[in-house]
């Protein structure tokens, strides 16, 4: 029987405190993936049938973190077109990642988000949610990369490189 990749979205949730940028990371604790228990990740989730990716991202972030997404990079430039019986959303994510091998055939598009609200400490799929500075994240990726969910490593490194470069150019 033919299997299909599962579409998903993820969010790099940003906040700035005293001129220091932080993102949210959490530990995976998904019952259907015990081999990944405790790996560090960003909030992600599956897209429901015909669900707008931006609505999905808002729903998944709220379910996993308790936070409300108030802005998604690229959402304002996205477009919706209607053709006959089709309604098509065109958008540009920050990054995309796909599992080509392993237990879980997922394709995830990641967006940079601003959020507000009170952070949960644990959900049914995550635990130890915390804000981490980019310098601490960079150090952790350099010294303990194996502690991260593999699908998010390259995206986080890209985010750090672009964001730190942005601060240097100012």
N, C-alpha and C. Protein backbone atom coordinates (compact mmCIF):
# COMPACT_ATOMS: atom_id res chain seq x y z
N UNK A 1 0.84 -1.18 0.00
CA UNK A 1 0.00 0.00 0.00
C UNK A 1 0.88 1.25 0.00
N UNK A 2 0.56 2.17 -0.86
CA UNK A 2 1.32 3.41 -0.97
C UNK A 2 1.04 4.31 0.22
N UNK A 3 2.10 4.92 0.78
CA UNK A 3 1.97 5.86 1.88
C UNK A 3 2.33 7.25 1.39
N UNK A 4 1.81 8.25 2.08
CA UNK A 4 2.03 9.64 1.71
C UNK A 4 2.70 10.38 2.85
N UNK A 5 3.48 11.41 2.50
CA UNK A 5 4.06 12.28 3.52
C UNK A 5 2.93 13.08 4.17
N UNK A 6 3.09 13.36 5.44
CA UNK A 6 2.10 14.10 6.21
C UNK A 6 2.50 15.57 6.24
N UNK A 7 1.61 16.48 5.80
CA UNK A 7 1.96 17.90 5.85
C UNK A 7 1.85 18.46 7.26
N UNK A 8 2.80 19.30 7.60
CA UNK A 8 2.78 19.93 8.91
C UNK A 8 3.33 21.34 8.86
N UNK A 9 3.12 22.07 9.93
CA UNK A 9 3.67 23.42 10.08
C UNK A 9 4.38 23.52 11.42
N UNK A 10 5.32 24.42 11.48
CA UNK A 10 6.03 24.67 12.73
C UNK A 10 6.28 26.15 12.89
N UNK A 11 6.53 26.56 14.12
CA UNK A 11 6.74 27.96 14.39
C UNK A 11 8.00 28.22 15.20
N UNK A 12 8.80 29.16 14.73
CA UNK A 12 9.87 29.72 15.55
C UNK A 12 9.22 30.91 16.25
N UNK A 13 8.95 30.74 17.52
CA UNK A 13 8.24 31.76 18.29
C UNK A 13 9.27 32.70 18.91
N UNK A 14 9.18 33.96 18.55
CA UNK A 14 10.15 34.95 18.99
C UNK A 14 9.59 35.87 20.08
N UNK A 15 10.51 36.35 20.89
CA UNK A 15 10.21 37.47 21.77
C UNK A 15 11.54 38.16 22.08
N UNK A 16 11.47 39.45 22.36
CA UNK A 16 12.65 40.23 22.69
C UNK A 16 12.44 40.85 24.06
N UNK A 17 13.44 40.67 24.92
CA UNK A 17 13.41 41.24 26.27
C UNK A 17 14.74 41.95 26.49
N UNK A 18 14.68 43.25 26.82
CA UNK A 18 15.89 44.04 27.05
C UNK A 18 16.90 43.89 25.90
N UNK A 19 16.45 44.00 24.68
CA UNK A 19 17.28 43.94 23.48
C UNK A 19 17.91 42.56 23.24
N UNK A 20 17.43 41.54 23.94
CA UNK A 20 17.90 40.18 23.71
C UNK A 20 16.77 39.37 23.11
N UNK A 21 17.05 38.72 21.97
CA UNK A 21 16.04 37.92 21.29
C UNK A 21 16.05 36.50 21.84
N UNK A 22 14.85 35.96 22.07
CA UNK A 22 14.64 34.61 22.55
C UNK A 22 13.69 33.87 21.61
N UNK A 23 13.84 32.55 21.56
CA UNK A 23 12.83 31.73 20.91
C UNK A 23 12.39 30.64 21.89
N UNK A 24 11.24 30.07 21.60
CA UNK A 24 10.70 29.02 22.47
C UNK A 24 11.17 27.66 21.99
N UNK A 25 11.68 26.86 22.92
CA UNK A 25 11.95 25.46 22.64
C UNK A 25 11.22 24.63 23.68
N UNK A 26 11.01 23.37 23.34
CA UNK A 26 10.28 22.46 24.23
C UNK A 26 10.82 21.06 24.02
N UNK A 27 10.51 20.17 24.96
CA UNK A 27 10.91 18.77 24.83
C UNK A 27 9.74 17.96 24.30
N UNK A 28 10.04 17.09 23.35
CA UNK A 28 9.01 16.20 22.80
C UNK A 28 8.66 15.13 23.82
N UNK A 29 7.40 14.83 23.94
CA UNK A 29 6.95 13.68 24.74
C UNK A 29 5.67 13.13 24.12
N UNK A 30 5.79 12.75 22.84
CA UNK A 30 4.64 12.24 22.09
C UNK A 30 4.55 10.73 22.32
N UNK A 31 3.39 10.26 22.76
CA UNK A 31 3.21 8.84 23.05
C UNK A 31 3.50 7.93 21.85
N UNK A 32 3.24 8.42 20.63
CA UNK A 32 3.45 7.58 19.45
C UNK A 32 4.88 7.64 18.92
N UNK A 33 5.79 8.34 19.62
CA UNK A 33 7.19 8.44 19.20
C UNK A 33 8.11 8.37 20.42
N UNK A 34 8.12 7.25 21.14
CA UNK A 34 8.93 7.17 22.36
C UNK A 34 10.44 7.31 22.13
N UNK A 35 10.93 6.96 20.93
CA UNK A 35 12.35 7.08 20.63
C UNK A 35 12.81 8.54 20.55
N UNK A 36 11.86 9.47 20.44
CA UNK A 36 12.18 10.89 20.35
C UNK A 36 11.91 11.63 21.66
N UNK A 37 11.53 10.90 22.69
CA UNK A 37 11.16 11.50 23.97
C UNK A 37 12.32 12.35 24.50
N UNK A 38 12.02 13.60 24.85
CA UNK A 38 13.01 14.49 25.44
C UNK A 38 13.82 15.31 24.46
N UNK A 39 13.70 15.03 23.16
CA UNK A 39 14.45 15.84 22.19
C UNK A 39 13.89 17.26 22.16
N UNK A 40 14.76 18.23 21.98
CA UNK A 40 14.35 19.62 21.91
C UNK A 40 13.78 19.93 20.54
N UNK A 41 12.72 20.72 20.51
CA UNK A 41 12.05 21.04 19.26
C UNK A 41 11.37 22.40 19.36
N UNK A 42 10.85 22.83 18.21
CA UNK A 42 9.97 23.99 18.17
C UNK A 42 8.54 23.46 18.02
N UNK A 43 7.52 24.25 18.34
CA UNK A 43 6.15 23.78 18.20
C UNK A 43 5.80 23.45 16.75
N UNK A 44 5.24 22.27 16.54
CA UNK A 44 4.83 21.84 15.20
C UNK A 44 3.56 21.01 15.30
N UNK A 45 2.91 20.84 14.17
CA UNK A 45 1.72 20.00 14.15
C UNK A 45 1.24 19.73 12.74
N UNK A 46 0.32 18.82 12.63
CA UNK A 46 -0.20 18.38 11.34
C UNK A 46 -1.31 19.30 10.83
N UNK A 47 -1.32 19.47 9.51
CA UNK A 47 -2.34 20.28 8.85
C UNK A 47 -3.55 19.39 8.57
N UNK A 48 -4.71 19.84 9.01
CA UNK A 48 -5.95 19.12 8.73
C UNK A 48 -6.35 19.32 7.27
N UNK A 49 -7.20 18.43 6.79
CA UNK A 49 -7.68 18.52 5.42
C UNK A 49 -8.30 19.89 5.14
N UNK A 50 -7.80 20.56 4.12
CA UNK A 50 -8.25 21.89 3.66
C UNK A 50 -8.08 22.99 4.71
N UNK A 51 -7.24 22.77 5.71
CA UNK A 51 -6.99 23.80 6.72
C UNK A 51 -5.93 24.77 6.19
N UNK A 52 -6.18 26.04 6.31
CA UNK A 52 -5.23 27.09 5.98
C UNK A 52 -4.00 26.90 6.88
N UNK A 53 -2.79 26.93 6.30
CA UNK A 53 -1.59 26.67 7.10
C UNK A 53 -1.41 27.68 8.23
N UNK A 54 -1.84 28.92 8.02
CA UNK A 54 -1.70 29.92 9.07
C UNK A 54 -2.67 29.64 10.22
N UNK A 55 -3.88 29.20 9.90
CA UNK A 55 -4.84 28.80 10.94
C UNK A 55 -4.32 27.58 11.68
N UNK A 56 -3.73 26.64 10.96
CA UNK A 56 -3.15 25.45 11.59
C UNK A 56 -2.04 25.84 12.55
N UNK A 57 -1.16 26.72 12.12
CA UNK A 57 -0.05 27.14 12.97
C UNK A 57 -0.57 27.80 14.25
N UNK A 58 -1.56 28.65 14.13
CA UNK A 58 -2.15 29.29 15.31
C UNK A 58 -2.75 28.23 16.26
N UNK A 59 -3.45 27.28 15.69
CA UNK A 59 -4.08 26.22 16.50
C UNK A 59 -3.03 25.37 17.20
N UNK A 60 -2.03 24.94 16.46
CA UNK A 60 -1.00 24.07 17.04
C UNK A 60 -0.18 24.79 18.11
N UNK A 61 0.18 26.04 17.87
CA UNK A 61 0.93 26.80 18.87
C UNK A 61 0.10 26.95 20.14
N UNK A 62 -1.17 27.26 19.99
CA UNK A 62 -2.04 27.42 21.17
C UNK A 62 -2.16 26.09 21.92
N UNK A 63 -2.37 24.99 21.20
CA UNK A 63 -2.50 23.68 21.85
C UNK A 63 -1.23 23.28 22.58
N UNK A 64 -0.07 23.50 21.96
CA UNK A 64 1.19 23.03 22.53
C UNK A 64 1.80 23.97 23.55
N UNK A 65 1.49 25.27 23.46
CA UNK A 65 2.18 26.23 24.33
C UNK A 65 1.25 27.09 25.18
N UNK A 66 -0.01 27.21 24.77
CA UNK A 66 -0.93 28.12 25.44
C UNK A 66 -0.84 29.54 24.93
N UNK A 67 0.11 29.80 24.02
CA UNK A 67 0.33 31.14 23.52
C UNK A 67 -0.54 31.43 22.29
N UNK A 68 -0.84 32.72 22.10
CA UNK A 68 -1.62 33.16 20.94
C UNK A 68 -0.66 33.76 19.91
N UNK A 69 -0.71 33.26 18.68
CA UNK A 69 0.10 33.82 17.60
C UNK A 69 -0.54 35.12 17.15
N UNK A 70 0.23 36.21 17.21
CA UNK A 70 -0.31 37.51 16.81
C UNK A 70 0.26 38.00 15.47
N UNK A 71 1.34 37.38 15.00
CA UNK A 71 1.90 37.73 13.68
C UNK A 71 2.72 36.55 13.16
N UNK A 72 2.59 36.30 11.86
CA UNK A 72 3.35 35.24 11.19
C UNK A 72 4.05 35.88 10.00
N UNK A 73 5.37 35.75 9.97
CA UNK A 73 6.14 36.32 8.87
C UNK A 73 5.68 35.68 7.55
N UNK A 74 5.33 36.51 6.59
CA UNK A 74 4.88 36.02 5.29
C UNK A 74 3.38 35.93 5.13
N UNK A 75 2.64 36.02 6.22
CA UNK A 75 1.18 35.89 6.10
C UNK A 75 0.58 37.07 5.33
N UNK A 76 1.08 38.27 5.56
CA UNK A 76 0.51 39.44 4.89
C UNK A 76 0.76 39.45 3.39
N UNK A 77 1.80 38.77 2.95
CA UNK A 77 2.09 38.72 1.52
C UNK A 77 1.53 37.47 0.85
N UNK A 78 0.92 36.60 1.63
CA UNK A 78 0.29 35.40 1.06
C UNK A 78 -0.94 35.82 0.25
N UNK A 79 -1.32 34.97 -0.67
CA UNK A 79 -2.50 35.29 -1.48
C UNK A 79 -3.40 34.06 -1.61
N UNK A 80 -4.67 34.34 -1.78
CA UNK A 80 -5.65 33.29 -2.03
C UNK A 80 -6.28 33.55 -3.38
N UNK A 81 -6.29 32.53 -4.21
CA UNK A 81 -6.88 32.61 -5.54
C UNK A 81 -7.96 31.55 -5.66
N UNK A 82 -9.01 31.89 -6.38
CA UNK A 82 -10.09 30.92 -6.59
C UNK A 82 -10.23 30.65 -8.08
N UNK A 83 -10.28 29.38 -8.42
CA UNK A 83 -10.41 28.92 -9.80
C UNK A 83 -11.45 27.81 -9.82
N UNK A 84 -12.57 28.08 -10.48
CA UNK A 84 -13.62 27.08 -10.60
C UNK A 84 -13.97 26.54 -9.20
N UNK A 85 -13.67 25.29 -8.91
CA UNK A 85 -14.00 24.70 -7.60
C UNK A 85 -12.81 24.71 -6.64
N UNK A 86 -11.73 25.39 -6.99
CA UNK A 86 -10.52 25.39 -6.17
C UNK A 86 -10.31 26.74 -5.50
N UNK A 87 -9.79 26.66 -4.29
CA UNK A 87 -9.36 27.85 -3.56
C UNK A 87 -7.93 27.55 -3.12
N UNK A 88 -6.97 28.34 -3.60
CA UNK A 88 -5.55 28.03 -3.43
C UNK A 88 -4.86 29.12 -2.63
N UNK A 89 -4.14 28.71 -1.60
CA UNK A 89 -3.34 29.62 -0.78
C UNK A 89 -1.89 29.53 -1.25
N UNK A 90 -1.31 30.66 -1.60
CA UNK A 90 0.10 30.73 -1.98
C UNK A 90 0.85 31.51 -0.91
N UNK A 91 1.97 30.97 -0.45
CA UNK A 91 2.70 31.57 0.66
C UNK A 91 4.16 31.15 0.58
N UNK A 92 5.00 31.83 1.35
CA UNK A 92 6.41 31.49 1.43
C UNK A 92 6.78 31.27 2.89
N UNK A 93 7.13 30.04 3.24
CA UNK A 93 7.58 29.80 4.62
C UNK A 93 9.02 30.26 4.81
N UNK A 94 9.46 30.34 6.06
CA UNK A 94 10.86 30.66 6.36
C UNK A 94 11.74 29.50 5.91
N UNK A 95 11.29 28.27 6.19
CA UNK A 95 12.07 27.08 5.85
C UNK A 95 11.11 25.90 5.70
N UNK A 96 11.60 24.87 5.02
CA UNK A 96 10.85 23.63 4.88
C UNK A 96 11.80 22.48 5.20
N UNK A 97 11.24 21.42 5.80
CA UNK A 97 12.04 20.23 6.12
C UNK A 97 11.18 18.99 5.89
N UNK A 98 11.83 17.93 5.41
CA UNK A 98 11.11 16.70 5.14
C UNK A 98 11.91 15.51 5.65
N UNK A 99 11.26 14.61 6.36
CA UNK A 99 11.88 13.35 6.74
C UNK A 99 11.93 12.45 5.51
N UNK A 100 13.12 12.03 5.11
CA UNK A 100 13.29 11.12 3.99
C UNK A 100 13.51 9.69 4.44
N UNK A 101 13.71 9.52 5.75
CA UNK A 101 13.95 8.20 6.32
C UNK A 101 13.54 8.24 7.78
N UNK A 102 13.08 7.14 8.30
CA UNK A 102 12.73 7.08 9.70
C UNK A 102 11.31 6.59 9.90
N UNK A 103 10.78 6.86 11.07
CA UNK A 103 9.47 6.36 11.46
C UNK A 103 8.32 7.23 10.98
N UNK A 104 8.60 8.49 10.73
CA UNK A 104 7.53 9.45 10.56
C UNK A 104 7.69 10.23 9.25
N UNK A 105 6.90 9.96 8.21
CA UNK A 105 7.06 10.61 6.92
C UNK A 105 6.38 11.99 6.87
N UNK A 106 7.02 12.98 7.46
CA UNK A 106 6.39 14.30 7.56
C UNK A 106 7.16 15.33 6.74
N UNK A 107 6.43 16.30 6.23
CA UNK A 107 6.96 17.45 5.51
C UNK A 107 6.47 18.68 6.27
N UNK A 108 7.39 19.47 6.84
CA UNK A 108 7.02 20.59 7.70
C UNK A 108 7.50 21.91 7.11
N UNK A 109 6.59 22.87 7.08
CA UNK A 109 6.94 24.22 6.68
C UNK A 109 6.97 25.09 7.94
N UNK A 110 8.07 25.81 8.10
CA UNK A 110 8.29 26.55 9.34
C UNK A 110 8.20 28.05 9.09
N UNK A 111 7.54 28.72 10.03
CA UNK A 111 7.32 30.16 9.94
C UNK A 111 7.86 30.83 11.20
N UNK A 112 8.23 32.10 11.08
CA UNK A 112 8.66 32.89 12.23
C UNK A 112 7.43 33.64 12.74
N UNK A 113 7.20 33.56 14.06
CA UNK A 113 5.97 34.11 14.65
C UNK A 113 6.25 34.99 15.85
N UNK A 114 5.35 35.94 16.06
CA UNK A 114 5.28 36.71 17.30
C UNK A 114 4.08 36.16 18.07
N UNK A 115 4.23 36.08 19.38
CA UNK A 115 3.17 35.50 20.21
C UNK A 115 2.94 36.34 21.45
N UNK A 116 1.82 36.07 22.12
CA UNK A 116 1.55 36.70 23.41
C UNK A 116 0.79 35.69 24.26
N UNK A 117 0.75 35.96 25.57
CA UNK A 117 0.00 35.10 26.46
C UNK A 117 0.86 34.42 27.50
N UNK A 118 0.22 33.53 28.25
CA UNK A 118 0.89 32.80 29.33
C UNK A 118 1.32 31.42 28.82
N UNK A 119 2.58 31.13 29.02
CA UNK A 119 3.19 29.89 28.55
C UNK A 119 2.83 28.71 29.46
N UNK A 120 2.41 27.60 28.85
CA UNK A 120 2.19 26.36 29.60
C UNK A 120 3.54 25.75 29.93
N UNK A 121 3.58 24.89 30.92
CA UNK A 121 4.84 24.19 31.23
C UNK A 121 4.83 22.78 30.69
N UNK A 122 3.63 22.25 30.40
CA UNK A 122 3.53 20.88 29.88
C UNK A 122 2.19 20.71 29.17
N UNK A 123 2.20 19.91 28.10
CA UNK A 123 0.97 19.54 27.41
C UNK A 123 1.01 18.02 27.20
N UNK A 124 0.06 17.50 26.44
CA UNK A 124 0.04 16.06 26.18
C UNK A 124 1.21 15.62 25.30
N UNK A 125 1.81 16.55 24.55
CA UNK A 125 2.88 16.20 23.63
C UNK A 125 4.21 16.87 23.92
N UNK A 126 4.23 17.81 24.86
CA UNK A 126 5.46 18.55 25.14
C UNK A 126 5.62 18.78 26.64
N UNK A 127 6.86 19.06 27.03
CA UNK A 127 7.16 19.41 28.42
C UNK A 127 8.35 20.34 28.45
N UNK A 128 8.57 20.95 29.58
CA UNK A 128 9.72 21.84 29.78
C UNK A 128 9.83 22.90 28.70
N UNK A 129 8.73 23.58 28.45
CA UNK A 129 8.73 24.67 27.48
C UNK A 129 9.49 25.84 28.09
N UNK A 130 10.39 26.44 27.30
CA UNK A 130 11.17 27.55 27.85
C UNK A 130 11.68 28.46 26.74
N UNK A 131 11.89 29.71 27.11
CA UNK A 131 12.48 30.70 26.22
C UNK A 131 13.99 30.59 26.34
N UNK A 132 14.68 30.59 25.20
CA UNK A 132 16.14 30.48 25.19
C UNK A 132 16.70 31.60 24.32
N UNK A 133 17.76 32.24 24.80
CA UNK A 133 18.39 33.31 24.01
C UNK A 133 19.07 32.68 22.80
N UNK A 134 19.26 33.49 21.77
CA UNK A 134 19.91 32.97 20.56
C UNK A 134 21.34 32.55 20.84
N UNK A 135 22.04 33.26 21.72
CA UNK A 135 23.42 32.86 22.04
C UNK A 135 23.43 31.51 22.75
N UNK A 136 22.49 31.28 23.68
CA UNK A 136 22.42 29.98 24.36
C UNK A 136 21.99 28.88 23.39
N UNK A 137 21.06 29.20 22.49
CA UNK A 137 20.62 28.23 21.49
C UNK A 137 21.79 27.87 20.57
N UNK A 138 22.54 28.87 20.14
CA UNK A 138 23.69 28.62 19.27
C UNK A 138 24.71 27.73 19.97
N UNK A 139 24.99 28.00 21.23
CA UNK A 139 25.94 27.20 22.00
C UNK A 139 25.43 25.76 22.16
N UNK A 140 24.14 25.61 22.45
CA UNK A 140 23.55 24.28 22.62
C UNK A 140 23.59 23.49 21.31
N UNK A 141 23.30 24.14 20.21
CA UNK A 141 23.37 23.44 18.92
C UNK A 141 24.81 23.04 18.58
N UNK A 142 25.77 23.85 18.98
CA UNK A 142 27.18 23.55 18.69
C UNK A 142 27.73 22.42 19.56
N UNK A 143 27.21 22.31 20.78
CA UNK A 143 27.78 21.33 21.71
C UNK A 143 26.89 20.10 21.95
N UNK A 144 25.59 20.23 21.70
CA UNK A 144 24.68 19.13 22.00
C UNK A 144 23.62 18.96 20.90
N UNK A 145 24.06 19.01 19.66
CA UNK A 145 23.14 18.91 18.53
C UNK A 145 22.26 17.65 18.61
N UNK A 146 22.81 16.57 19.16
CA UNK A 146 22.06 15.32 19.25
C UNK A 146 20.90 15.39 20.24
N UNK A 147 20.76 16.49 20.97
CA UNK A 147 19.63 16.68 21.88
C UNK A 147 18.42 17.30 21.17
N UNK A 148 18.57 17.63 19.88
CA UNK A 148 17.50 18.28 19.12
C UNK A 148 16.81 17.30 18.19
N UNK A 149 15.54 17.55 17.95
CA UNK A 149 14.79 16.79 16.96
C UNK A 149 15.43 17.07 15.60
N UNK A 150 15.88 16.05 14.87
CA UNK A 150 16.66 16.26 13.65
C UNK A 150 16.02 17.17 12.61
N UNK A 151 14.69 17.17 12.49
CA UNK A 151 14.04 18.00 11.48
C UNK A 151 14.22 19.49 11.73
N UNK A 152 14.57 19.89 12.95
CA UNK A 152 14.62 21.31 13.29
C UNK A 152 16.04 21.87 13.34
N UNK A 153 17.05 21.03 13.30
CA UNK A 153 18.43 21.49 13.49
C UNK A 153 18.85 22.49 12.42
N UNK A 154 18.73 22.14 11.16
CA UNK A 154 19.17 23.03 10.08
C UNK A 154 18.37 24.32 10.07
N UNK A 155 17.07 24.23 10.32
CA UNK A 155 16.22 25.42 10.34
C UNK A 155 16.65 26.36 11.47
N UNK A 156 16.94 25.82 12.64
CA UNK A 156 17.38 26.66 13.76
C UNK A 156 18.74 27.30 13.48
N UNK A 157 19.63 26.56 12.86
CA UNK A 157 20.94 27.13 12.50
C UNK A 157 20.77 28.25 11.47
N UNK A 158 19.89 28.05 10.51
CA UNK A 158 19.61 29.09 9.51
C UNK A 158 19.04 30.33 10.19
N UNK A 159 18.10 30.13 11.10
CA UNK A 159 17.48 31.24 11.81
C UNK A 159 18.54 32.03 12.60
N UNK A 160 19.40 31.32 13.32
CA UNK A 160 20.45 31.98 14.10
C UNK A 160 21.37 32.78 13.19
N UNK A 161 21.81 32.18 12.10
CA UNK A 161 22.73 32.86 11.18
C UNK A 161 22.10 34.12 10.61
N UNK A 162 20.86 34.04 10.18
CA UNK A 162 20.20 35.20 9.60
C UNK A 162 19.90 36.26 10.65
N UNK A 163 19.48 35.84 11.84
CA UNK A 163 19.12 36.79 12.89
C UNK A 163 20.34 37.47 13.48
N UNK A 164 21.37 36.73 13.75
CA UNK A 164 22.60 37.33 14.28
C UNK A 164 23.19 38.27 13.24
N UNK A 165 23.16 37.86 11.97
CA UNK A 165 23.61 38.73 10.88
C UNK A 165 22.81 40.01 10.81
N UNK A 166 21.51 39.91 11.07
CA UNK A 166 20.62 41.08 11.06
C UNK A 166 21.03 42.04 12.17
N UNK A 167 21.36 41.52 13.36
CA UNK A 167 21.77 42.39 14.46
C UNK A 167 23.12 43.04 14.16
N UNK A 168 24.01 42.32 13.50
CA UNK A 168 25.33 42.86 13.19
C UNK A 168 25.21 44.01 12.19
N UNK A 169 24.28 43.89 11.22
CA UNK A 169 24.11 44.93 10.19
C UNK A 169 23.49 46.21 10.73
N UNK A 170 22.85 46.17 11.87
CA UNK A 170 22.18 47.37 12.42
C UNK A 170 23.15 48.42 12.88
